[in-house]
C-alpha atoms as a PDB file:
ATOM      1  CA  MET A   1      40.506-127.242 253.285  1.00  0.00           C
ATOM      2  CA  SER A   2      42.836-124.221 253.629  1.00  0.00           C
ATOM      3  CA  THR A   3      45.481-123.413 251.016  1.00  0.00           C
ATOM      4  CA  MET A   4      47.350-120.965 253.260  1.00  0.00           C
ATOM      5  CA  THR A   5      50.997-121.889 253.841  1.00  0.00           C
ATOM      6  CA  THR A   6      52.189-121.684 257.414  1.00  0.00           C
ATOM      7  CA  ALA A   7      55.769-122.844 256.921  1.00  0.00           C
ATOM      8  CA  ILE A   8      58.543-120.516 255.723  1.00  0.00           C
ATOM      9  CA  ALA A   9      59.662-121.309 252.203  1.00  0.00           C
ATOM     10  CA  ASP A  10      63.265-122.487 251.979  1.00  0.00           C
ATOM     11  CA  ASN A  11      63.864-120.944 248.556  1.00  0.00           C
ATOM     12  CA  VAL A  12      63.272-117.311 249.591  1.00  0.00           C
ATOM     13  CA  ILE A  13      66.221-115.012 250.127  1.00  0.00           C
ATOM     14  CA  GLN A  14      65.715-112.828 253.174  1.00  0.00           C
ATOM     15  CA  LEU A  15      66.829-109.244 252.549  1.00  0.00           C
ATOM     16  CA  PRO A  16      67.963-107.094 255.457  1.00  0.00           C
ATOM     17  CA  ARG A  17      65.306-104.668 256.601  1.00  0.00           C
ATOM     18  CA  LYS A  18      66.028-101.054 255.852  1.00  0.00           C
ATOM     19  CA  GLN A  19      65.472 -98.584 258.648  1.00  0.00           C
ATOM     20  CA  ALA A  20      63.003 -95.821 257.934  1.00  0.00           C
ATOM     21  CA  GLY A  21      65.560 -93.211 258.972  1.00  0.00           C
ATOM     22  CA  PRO A  22      68.621 -92.659 261.086  1.00  0.00           C
ATOM     23  CA  ILE A  23      66.675 -92.450 264.332  1.00  0.00           C
ATOM     24  CA  ALA A  24      65.287 -95.702 265.688  1.00  0.00           C
ATOM     25  CA  THR A  25      61.769 -95.771 267.092  1.00  0.00           C
ATOM     26  CA  ASP A  26      62.994 -95.626 270.675  1.00  0.00           C
ATOM     27  CA  GLY A  27      64.643 -92.229 270.093  1.00  0.00           C
ATOM     28  CA  HIS A  28      68.225 -93.498 269.943  1.00  0.00           C
ATOM     29  CA  LEU A  29      70.609 -93.007 267.077  1.00  0.00           C
ATOM     30  CA  ALA A  30      72.153 -96.111 265.549  1.00  0.00           C
ATOM     31  CA  ASP A  31      75.913 -96.303 266.154  1.00  0.00           C
ATOM     32  CA  SER A  32      76.692 -96.306 262.436  1.00  0.00           C
ATOM     33  CA  ASP A  33      74.561 -93.204 261.866  1.00  0.00           C
ATOM     34  CA  GLN A  34      76.121 -91.459 264.861  1.00  0.00           C
ATOM     35  CA  ASP A  35      79.564 -92.192 263.477  1.00  0.00           C
ATOM     36  CA  ARG A  36      78.713 -90.836 260.010  1.00  0.00           C
ATOM     37  CA  TRP A  37      77.107 -87.677 261.403  1.00  0.00           C
ATOM     38  CA  ALA A  38      80.101 -87.094 263.682  1.00  0.00           C
ATOM     39  CA  ASN A  39      82.481 -87.511 260.712  1.00  0.00           C
ATOM     40  CA  ARG A  40      80.629 -84.774 258.824  1.00  0.00           C
ATOM     41  CA  LEU A  41      80.677 -82.414 261.796  1.00  0.00           C
ATOM     42  CA  ALA A  42      84.352 -83.171 262.465  1.00  0.00           C
ATOM     43  CA  ARG A  43      85.153 -82.109 258.902  1.00  0.00           C
ATOM     44  CA  LEU A  44      83.333 -78.801 259.454  1.00  0.00           C
ATOM     45  CA  LEU A  45      85.360 -78.230 262.617  1.00  0.00           C
ATOM     46  CA  LEU A  46      88.605 -79.026 260.816  1.00  0.00           C
ATOM     47  CA  GLY A  47      87.599 -76.590 258.079  1.00  0.00           C
ATOM     48  CA  ARG A  48      87.228 -73.887 260.736  1.00  0.00           C
ATOM     49  CA  GLY A  49      90.768 -74.508 261.969  1.00  0.00           C
ATOM     50  CA  ALA A  50      90.114 -76.802 264.940  1.00  0.00           C
ATOM     51  CA  THR A  51      93.018 -79.144 265.669  1.00  0.00           C
ATOM     52  CA  ALA A  52      93.967 -81.861 268.111  1.00  0.00           C
ATOM     53  CA  GLY A  53      94.223 -80.336 271.554  1.00  0.00           C
ATOM     54  CA  SER A  54      91.885 -77.433 270.738  1.00  0.00           C
ATOM     55  CA  ARG A  55      89.265 -76.646 273.361  1.00  0.00           C
ATOM     56  CA  ILE A  56      85.850 -76.578 271.700  1.00  0.00           C
ATOM     57  CA  ALA A  57      82.889 -75.163 273.589  1.00  0.00           C
ATOM     58  CA  LEU A  58      79.645 -77.149 273.412  1.00  0.00           C
ATOM     59  CA  ALA A  59      76.374 -75.302 274.037  1.00  0.00           C
ATOM     60  CA  VAL A  60      73.883 -77.808 272.663  1.00  0.00           C
ATOM     61  CA  ASP A  61      70.759 -78.847 274.571  1.00  0.00           C
ATOM     62  CA  ALA A  62      69.232 -81.498 272.305  1.00  0.00           C
ATOM     63  CA  THR A  63      70.500 -84.922 273.346  1.00  0.00           C
ATOM     64  CA  ILE A  64      71.288 -86.408 269.933  1.00  0.00           C
ATOM     65  CA  GLU A  65      72.968 -83.235 268.676  1.00  0.00           C
ATOM     66  CA  ALA A  66      75.022 -83.006 271.875  1.00  0.00           C
ATOM     67  CA  ILE A  67      76.185 -86.614 271.475  1.00  0.00           C
ATOM     68  CA  ILE A  68      77.143 -86.002 267.827  1.00  0.00           C
ATOM     69  CA  ALA A  69      78.942 -82.753 268.684  1.00  0.00           C
ATOM     70  CA  GLU A  70      81.012 -84.356 271.437  1.00  0.00           C
ATOM     71  CA  ALA A  71      81.850 -87.344 269.230  1.00  0.00           C
ATOM     72  CA  ALA A  72      82.977 -85.014 266.416  1.00  0.00           C
ATOM     73  CA  VAL A  73      85.200 -83.044 268.769  1.00  0.00           C
ATOM     74  CA  ARG A  74      86.808 -86.215 270.107  1.00  0.00           C
ATOM     75  CA  LYS A  75      87.341 -87.586 266.574  1.00  0.00           C
ATOM     76  CA  ILE A  76      89.737 -84.752 265.797  1.00  0.00           C
ATOM     77  CA  GLY A  77      91.499 -85.091 269.135  1.00  0.00           C
ATOM     78  CA  ALA A  78      90.078 -81.849 270.493  1.00  0.00           C
ATOM     79  CA  ILE A  79      88.750 -81.283 274.004  1.00  0.00           C
ATOM     80  CA  PRO A  80      84.993 -80.759 274.455  1.00  0.00           C
ATOM     81  CA  VAL A  81      84.122 -78.085 277.014  1.00  0.00           C
ATOM     82  CA  SER A  82      80.497 -77.990 278.157  1.00  0.00           C
ATOM     83  CA  VAL A  83      78.901 -74.558 278.431  1.00  0.00           C
ATOM     84  CA  THR A  84      76.058 -74.505 280.918  1.00  0.00           C
ATOM     85  CA  ASP A  85      75.035 -70.830 280.951  1.00  0.00           C
ATOM     86  CA  ASP A  86      76.719 -67.667 279.704  1.00  0.00           C
ATOM     87  CA  GLU A  87      79.990 -68.656 281.255  1.00  0.00           C
ATOM     88  CA  PHE A  88      83.333 -67.650 279.834  1.00  0.00           C
ATOM     89  CA  VAL A  89      84.975 -70.630 278.200  1.00  0.00           C
ATOM     90  CA  PHE A  90      88.675 -70.216 278.871  1.00  0.00           C
ATOM     91  CA  GLY A  91      90.834 -71.142 275.903  1.00  0.00           C
ATOM     92  CA  ALA A  92      87.998 -72.130 273.563  1.00  0.00           C
ATOM     93  CA  TYR A  93      88.075 -70.228 270.295  1.00  0.00           C
ATOM     94  CA  THR A  94      85.561 -72.444 268.498  1.00  0.00           C
ATOM     95  CA  GLY A  95      82.219 -73.676 269.705  1.00  0.00           C
ATOM     96  CA  ILE A  96      79.137 -75.600 268.635  1.00  0.00           C
ATOM     97  CA  THR A  97      75.639 -74.382 269.468  1.00  0.00           C
ATOM     98  CA  THR A  98      72.109 -73.895 268.119  1.00  0.00           C
ATOM     99  CA  ARG A  99      70.166 -70.771 267.141  1.00  0.00           C
ATOM    100  CA  ALA A 100      68.163 -70.969 270.362  1.00  0.00           C
ATOM    101  CA  ARG A 101      71.308 -70.844 272.541  1.00  0.00           C
ATOM    102  CA  ARG A 102      73.397 -68.426 270.449  1.00  0.00           C
ATOM    103  CA  PRO A 103      71.995 -65.114 271.835  1.00  0.00           C
ATOM    104  CA  GLU A 104      73.038 -66.009 275.392  1.00  0.00           C
ATOM    105  CA  LEU A 105      76.629 -66.873 274.455  1.00  0.00           C
ATOM    106  CA  THR A 106      79.748 -64.747 274.270  1.00  0.00           C
ATOM    107  CA  ASP A 107      81.073 -63.346 271.009  1.00  0.00           C
ATOM    108  CA  ASP A 108      84.623 -64.281 272.052  1.00  0.00           C
ATOM    109  CA  VAL A 109      84.053 -67.746 270.566  1.00  0.00           C
ATOM    110  CA  ASP A 110      83.619 -68.552 266.855  1.00  0.00           C
ATOM    111  CA  TRP A 111      80.295 -70.414 267.111  1.00  0.00           C
ATOM    112  CA  LEU A 112      79.261 -73.057 264.593  1.00  0.00           C
ATOM    113  CA  VAL A 113      75.457 -72.894 264.724  1.00  0.00           C
ATOM    114  CA  LEU A 114      74.167 -76.383 263.932  1.00  0.00           C
ATOM    115  CA  ASP A 115      70.699 -75.413 262.757  1.00  0.00           C
ATOM    116  CA  ASP A 116      71.821 -72.424 260.699  1.00  0.00           C
ATOM    117  CA  ARG A 117      71.005 -72.837 257.006  1.00  0.00           C
ATOM    118  CA  SER A 118      74.581 -72.290 255.785  1.00  0.00           C
ATOM    119  CA  THR A 119      75.906 -74.806 258.331  1.00  0.00           C
ATOM    120  CA  LEU A 120      73.309 -77.378 257.274  1.00  0.00           C
ATOM    121  CA  GLN A 121      74.189 -76.895 253.608  1.00  0.00           C
ATOM    122  CA  ARG A 122      77.906 -77.432 254.256  1.00  0.00           C
ATOM    123  CA  TYR A 123      77.148 -80.330 256.582  1.00  0.00           C
ATOM    124  CA  LEU A 124      74.973 -82.158 254.069  1.00  0.00           C
ATOM    125  CA  VAL A 125      77.555 -81.999 251.275  1.00  0.00           C
ATOM    126  CA  SER A 126      80.551 -82.994 253.393  1.00  0.00           C
ATOM    127  CA  SER A 127      81.782 -86.564 253.409  1.00  0.00           C
ATOM    128  CA  ASP A 128      80.624 -88.976 256.087  1.00  0.00           C
ATOM    129  CA  ALA A 129      83.570 -91.302 255.454  1.00  0.00           C
ATOM    130  CA  PRO A 130      85.871 -92.039 258.396  1.00  0.00           C
ATOM    131  CA  LEU A 131      88.515 -89.392 259.001  1.00  0.00           C
ATOM    132  CA  SER A 132      91.940 -90.310 257.698  1.00  0.00           C
ATOM    133  CA  THR A 133      95.282 -89.242 259.050  1.00  0.00           C
ATOM    134  CA  ARG A 134      95.544 -87.024 255.975  1.00  0.00           C
ATOM    135  CA  ASP A 135      92.298 -85.264 256.997  1.00  0.00           C
ATOM    136  CA  LEU A 136      93.711 -84.649 260.452  1.00  0.00           C
ATOM    137  CA  ARG A 137      97.140 -83.523 259.211  1.00  0.00           C
ATOM    138  CA  ALA A 138      95.715 -81.127 256.624  1.00  0.00           C
ATOM    139  CA  VAL A 139      95.051 -78.552 259.329  1.00  0.00           C
ATOM    140  CA  SER A 140      98.118 -79.163 261.489  1.00  0.00           C
END
Protein backbone atom coordinates (compact mmCIF):
# COMPACT_ATOMS: atom_id res chain seq x y z
CA MET A 1 0.00 0.00 0.00
CA SER A 2 1.34 3.44 -1.03
CA THR A 3 1.40 6.38 1.39
CA MET A 4 2.00 8.97 -1.33
CA THR A 5 -0.67 11.68 -1.49
CA THR A 6 -1.96 12.50 -4.94
CA ALA A 7 -4.53 15.13 -4.01
CA ILE A 8 -3.60 18.77 -3.35
CA ALA A 9 -3.93 19.69 0.30
CA ASP A 10 -6.59 22.31 0.98
CA ASN A 11 -4.72 23.88 3.90
CA VAL A 12 -1.64 24.98 1.92
CA ILE A 13 -1.26 28.61 0.93
CA GLN A 14 0.06 28.92 -2.60
CA LEU A 15 2.70 31.65 -2.89
CA PRO A 16 3.24 33.40 -6.21
CA ARG A 17 6.26 32.12 -8.06
CA LYS A 18 9.14 34.52 -8.26
CA GLN A 19 10.79 34.95 -11.63
CA ALA A 20 14.48 34.16 -11.77
CA GLY A 21 15.19 37.54 -13.34
CA PRO A 22 13.65 40.30 -15.40
CA ILE A 23 13.95 38.40 -18.66
CA ALA A 24 11.54 35.52 -19.18
CA THR A 25 12.82 32.28 -20.66
CA ASP A 26 11.46 33.10 -24.10
CA GLY A 27 13.67 36.20 -24.36
CA HIS A 28 10.92 38.76 -23.73
CA LEU A 29 10.91 41.34 -21.00
CA ALA A 30 7.94 41.36 -18.64
CA ASP A 31 5.82 44.51 -19.02
CA SER A 32 6.38 45.52 -15.40
CA ASP A 33 10.15 45.18 -15.75
CA GLN A 34 10.12 47.10 -19.03
CA ASP A 35 8.20 49.89 -17.36
CA ARG A 36 10.62 50.10 -14.41
CA TRP A 37 13.70 50.06 -16.65
CA ALA A 38 12.18 52.76 -18.87
CA ASN A 39 11.43 54.91 -15.80
CA ARG A 40 15.09 54.75 -14.77
CA LEU A 41 16.31 55.64 -18.26
CA ALA A 42 13.74 58.45 -18.55
CA ARG A 43 15.15 59.97 -15.36
CA LEU A 44 18.66 59.89 -16.83
CA LEU A 45 17.38 61.66 -19.95
CA LEU A 46 15.60 64.28 -17.86
CA GLY A 47 18.82 64.80 -15.91
CA ARG A 48 20.61 65.52 -19.19
CA GLY A 49 18.08 68.21 -20.07
CA ALA A 50 15.72 66.29 -22.36
CA THR A 51 12.17 67.66 -22.32
CA ALA A 52 8.82 66.99 -23.92
CA GLY A 53 9.12 67.62 -27.63
CA SER A 54 12.89 67.02 -27.71
CA ARG A 55 14.15 64.86 -30.55
CA ILE A 56 16.26 62.05 -29.11
CA ALA A 57 18.40 59.95 -31.43
CA LEU A 58 18.33 56.19 -30.88
CA ALA A 59 21.30 54.14 -32.11
CA VAL A 60 20.73 50.89 -30.23
CA ASP A 61 20.87 47.49 -31.93
CA ALA A 62 19.94 45.10 -29.11
CA THR A 63 16.19 44.50 -29.17
CA ILE A 64 15.42 44.79 -25.45
CA GLU A 65 17.60 47.88 -25.00
CA ALA A 66 16.01 49.50 -28.06
CA ILE A 67 12.51 48.85 -26.68
CA ILE A 68 13.48 50.31 -23.28
CA ALA A 69 15.14 53.34 -24.88
CA GLU A 70 12.11 54.15 -27.03
CA ALA A 71 9.74 53.67 -24.08
CA ALA A 72 11.87 56.02 -21.93
CA VAL A 73 11.87 58.68 -24.62
CA ARG A 74 8.10 58.47 -25.01
CA LYS A 75 7.57 58.61 -21.22
CA ILE A 76 9.00 62.12 -21.12
CA GLY A 77 7.03 63.20 -24.17
CA ALA A 78 10.10 63.37 -26.39
CA ILE A 79 10.34 62.16 -29.98
CA PRO A 80 12.47 59.07 -30.71
CA VAL A 81 14.50 59.34 -33.92
CA SER A 82 16.03 56.11 -35.20
CA VAL A 83 19.61 56.31 -36.43
CA THR A 84 20.40 53.62 -38.96
CA ASP A 85 23.97 54.45 -40.00
CA ASP A 86 26.14 57.54 -39.56
CA GLU A 87 23.35 59.80 -40.65
CA PHE A 88 22.95 63.33 -39.41
CA VAL A 89 20.06 63.51 -36.98
CA PHE A 90 18.47 66.89 -37.58
CA GLY A 91 17.39 68.61 -34.38
CA ALA A 92 18.51 65.87 -31.99
CA TYR A 93 20.89 67.13 -29.33
CA THR A 94 20.68 64.04 -27.13
CA GLY A 95 20.94 60.42 -28.11
CA ILE A 96 21.07 56.90 -26.70
CA THR A 97 23.57 54.34 -27.97
CA THR A 98 26.01 51.60 -26.95
CA ARG A 99 29.81 51.46 -26.91
CA ALA A 100 29.80 49.32 -30.05
CA ARG A 101 27.85 51.94 -32.05
CA ARG A 102 29.41 55.10 -30.58
CA PRO A 103 32.52 55.31 -32.84
CA GLU A 104 30.37 55.49 -35.99
CA LEU A 105 28.16 58.31 -34.71
CA THR A 106 28.50 62.06 -34.96
CA ASP A 107 29.86 64.18 -32.12
CA ASP A 108 27.11 66.76 -32.73
CA VAL A 109 24.84 64.75 -30.42
CA ASP A 110 25.30 64.33 -26.65
CA TRP A 111 25.26 60.51 -26.54
CA LEU A 112 24.16 58.58 -23.47
CA VAL A 113 26.09 55.31 -23.80
CA LEU A 114 23.97 52.60 -22.17
CA ASP A 115 26.75 50.13 -21.44
CA ASP A 116 29.24 52.71 -20.20
CA ARG A 117 30.20 52.13 -16.56
CA SER A 118 29.25 55.63 -15.38
CA THR A 119 25.87 55.37 -17.12
CA LEU A 120 25.21 51.98 -15.53
CA GLN A 121 26.11 53.31 -12.09
CA ARG A 122 23.72 56.25 -12.41
CA TYR A 123 21.06 54.01 -13.93
CA LEU A 124 21.19 51.46 -11.12
CA VAL A 125 20.79 54.05 -8.36
CA SER A 126 17.99 56.02 -10.01
CA SER A 127 14.39 55.41 -9.04
CA ASP A 128 12.25 53.01 -11.03
CA ALA A 129 9.03 54.55 -9.69
CA PRO A 130 6.58 55.95 -12.23
CA LEU A 131 7.38 59.47 -13.40
CA SER A 132 5.29 62.15 -11.76
CA THR A 133 4.25 65.46 -13.20
CA ARG A 134 6.76 67.02 -10.80
CA ASP A 135 9.54 64.91 -12.39
CA LEU A 136 8.52 66.13 -15.82
CA ARG A 137 8.13 69.78 -14.77
CA ALA A 138 11.47 69.90 -12.97
CA VAL A 139 13.28 70.29 -16.28
CA SER A 140 10.76 72.50 -18.07
